[in-house]
Amino acid sequence: MKPLVALLLAGTLLSAFPSCTSTPPSKVQRFGWVTGLRPEKAAYYKDLHAHPTPAVNKMIKDCNIRNFSIYAREIGGKEYLFAYLEYTGRDFAADMKKMAADPATIAWWKKTDPCQSPLPDARAKGKIWSDAVEVYHLD
C-alpha cells in the first residue's frame, strides 16, 4: 500500500473509532432498574416507546447515556419493566439533573410515569424505578 493511502486510511479509521485515539475513554458505568407496568396503561406505554420523542432521545444521548433498553416481562400475572443503560460521562448526578430540567423530558415523563407502578422500595423513596444490582457482566 502506498504511504499516502495508508496514512489516509489510518486517519479515516481513527476518526470513525474515537476509542482508538490517544484520549482514553471514560469508564463505562452500567445501570439496571425494575418497576411495575400498570396493565391498563401497558399498550399506551409500549406505543409511546415505539414512537419516542426525538428531543428526548437526543437528551438521553447528550447526557452520556448509551445502549439504553427497556424490556417488558410478565411474572405471576403482573407486568414489569427492566431498564438497562450504559453511562459514559464523568458526573452521573449532574447529567441526570440536566435531563430532569429538560422541558421535552419533563413532558415525556408526564406521559410515561402514570403507566408505571413502583415497587415498594422505590415508592417509599418517592421514586418510580428500583435499583437493580449487577451480579455478572462479561465484556
Protein backbone atom coordinates (compact mmCIF):
# COMPACT_ATOMS: atom_id res chain seq x y z
CA MET A 1 0.00 0.00 0.00
CA LYS A 2 1.36 3.44 -0.85
CA PRO A 3 2.30 5.57 2.19
CA LEU A 4 -0.21 8.35 1.40
CA VAL A 5 -3.10 5.86 1.02
CA ALA A 6 -2.11 4.13 4.25
CA LEU A 7 -1.99 7.50 6.08
CA LEU A 8 -5.44 8.49 4.75
CA LEU A 9 -6.87 5.09 5.72
CA ALA A 10 -5.43 5.37 9.24
CA GLY A 11 -6.89 8.87 9.64
CA THR A 12 -10.31 7.66 8.49
CA LEU A 13 -10.26 4.73 10.91
CA LEU A 14 -9.17 6.89 13.83
CA SER A 15 -11.95 9.39 13.18
CA ALA A 16 -14.53 6.60 12.78
CA PHE A 17 -13.47 4.88 16.01
CA PRO A 18 -12.68 7.59 18.58
CA SER A 19 -11.69 5.00 21.19
CA CYS A 20 -8.66 4.24 19.02
CA THR A 21 -7.27 7.74 19.58
CA SER A 22 -4.81 8.60 22.33
CA THR A 23 -7.55 10.12 24.55
CA PRO A 24 -8.60 7.39 26.97
CA PRO A 25 -12.34 6.68 27.01
CA SER A 26 -14.20 7.31 30.23
CA LYS A 27 -15.08 4.26 32.27
CA VAL A 28 -18.48 2.87 31.37
CA GLN A 29 -20.91 2.50 34.25
CA ARG A 30 -23.82 0.09 33.81
CA PHE A 31 -27.19 0.61 35.49
CA GLY A 32 -30.31 -1.52 35.74
CA TRP A 33 -33.72 -0.77 37.23
CA VAL A 34 -37.06 -2.53 37.69
CA THR A 35 -40.60 -1.18 38.02
CA GLY A 36 -44.12 -2.41 37.53
CA LEU A 37 -46.27 -1.60 34.50
CA ARG A 38 -49.95 -0.85 35.06
CA PRO A 39 -51.96 -3.33 32.95
CA GLU A 40 -54.45 -0.71 31.79
CA LYS A 41 -51.57 1.51 30.59
CA ALA A 42 -49.29 -1.19 29.12
CA ALA A 43 -50.34 -0.78 25.48
CA TYR A 44 -50.06 3.03 25.73
CA TYR A 45 -46.59 2.80 27.34
CA LYS A 46 -45.35 0.42 24.67
CA ASP A 47 -46.78 2.61 21.91
CA LEU A 48 -45.04 5.68 23.36
CA HIS A 49 -41.73 3.84 23.24
CA ALA A 50 -42.40 2.56 19.73
CA HIS A 51 -42.58 6.23 18.68
CA PRO A 52 -40.21 8.08 21.02
CA THR A 53 -39.87 11.84 21.01
CA PRO A 54 -36.68 12.75 19.08
CA ALA A 55 -35.84 15.53 21.57
CA VAL A 56 -35.95 13.04 24.43
CA ASN A 57 -33.67 10.61 22.58
CA LYS A 58 -31.27 13.48 21.90
CA MET A 59 -31.24 14.49 25.57
CA ILE A 60 -30.54 10.91 26.62
CA LYS A 61 -27.51 10.86 24.32
CA ASP A 62 -26.46 14.38 25.39
CA CYS A 63 -26.42 13.11 28.97
CA ASN A 64 -23.82 10.47 28.05
CA ILE A 65 -26.20 7.50 28.03
CA ARG A 66 -25.64 4.74 25.51
CA ASN A 67 -27.08 1.30 24.92
CA PHE A 68 -30.34 2.16 26.71
CA SER A 69 -33.02 -0.52 26.61
CA ILE A 70 -36.32 -1.15 28.37
CA TYR A 71 -37.75 -4.67 28.48
CA ALA A 72 -41.25 -5.79 29.50
CA ARG A 73 -41.93 -9.13 31.19
CA GLU A 74 -44.98 -10.70 32.76
CA ILE A 75 -44.34 -12.52 36.03
CA GLY A 76 -47.12 -14.11 38.07
CA GLY A 77 -49.82 -12.26 36.17
CA LYS A 78 -48.18 -8.84 36.65
CA GLU A 79 -46.15 -6.94 34.08
CA TYR A 80 -42.75 -5.49 34.94
CA LEU A 81 -40.24 -3.29 33.15
CA PHE A 82 -36.48 -3.73 33.28
CA ALA A 83 -34.30 -0.83 32.12
CA TYR A 84 -30.60 -1.08 31.30
CA LEU A 85 -28.17 1.62 30.24
CA GLU A 86 -24.50 2.39 29.99
CA TYR A 87 -23.26 5.75 31.21
CA THR A 88 -20.07 7.11 29.63
CA GLY A 89 -19.87 10.55 31.23
CA ARG A 90 -17.95 11.77 34.24
CA ASP A 91 -20.77 13.04 36.53
CA PHE A 92 -23.91 10.91 36.52
CA ALA A 93 -25.75 13.07 39.08
CA ALA A 94 -25.11 16.27 37.08
CA ASP A 95 -26.22 14.65 33.83
CA MET A 96 -29.41 13.34 35.48
CA LYS A 97 -30.16 16.85 36.81
CA LYS A 98 -29.65 18.21 33.29
CA MET A 99 -32.08 15.62 31.93
CA ALA A 100 -34.65 16.27 34.68
CA ALA A 101 -34.63 20.01 33.82
CA ASP A 102 -35.21 19.44 30.09
CA PRO A 103 -38.73 20.53 29.02
CA ALA A 104 -39.11 17.72 26.44
CA THR A 105 -38.07 15.11 29.01
CA ILE A 106 -40.43 16.55 31.62
CA ALA A 107 -43.30 16.31 29.10
CA TRP A 108 -42.28 12.73 28.25
CA TRP A 109 -42.20 11.68 31.92
CA LYS A 110 -45.69 13.16 32.41
CA LYS A 111 -46.85 10.60 29.84
CA THR A 112 -44.78 7.61 31.00
CA ASP A 113 -44.77 7.94 34.80
CA PRO A 114 -48.52 7.25 35.25
CA CYS A 115 -48.06 3.99 33.34
CA GLN A 116 -45.60 2.65 35.87
CA SER A 117 -46.28 1.02 39.22
CA PRO A 118 -43.28 1.43 41.54
CA LEU A 119 -42.15 -1.47 43.69
CA PRO A 120 -42.47 -0.83 47.44
CA ASP A 121 -38.82 0.17 48.00
CA ALA A 122 -38.94 2.78 45.24
CA ARG A 123 -42.35 4.07 46.31
CA ALA A 124 -41.02 4.59 49.86
CA LYS A 125 -38.29 6.84 48.42
CA GLY A 126 -40.68 8.72 46.10
CA LYS A 127 -39.09 7.05 43.08
CA ILE A 128 -40.53 5.02 40.23
CA TRP A 129 -37.66 2.68 39.41
CA SER A 130 -35.98 0.29 41.89
CA ASP A 131 -32.24 -0.12 41.57
CA ALA A 132 -31.03 -3.50 40.36
CA VAL A 133 -27.63 -4.81 41.41
CA GLU A 134 -25.32 -6.21 38.78
CA VAL A 135 -24.26 -9.74 39.66
CA TYR A 136 -22.44 -10.60 36.44
CA HIS A 137 -21.03 -8.88 33.39
CA LEU A 138 -18.96 -10.20 30.51
CA ASP A 139 -17.14 -7.75 28.24
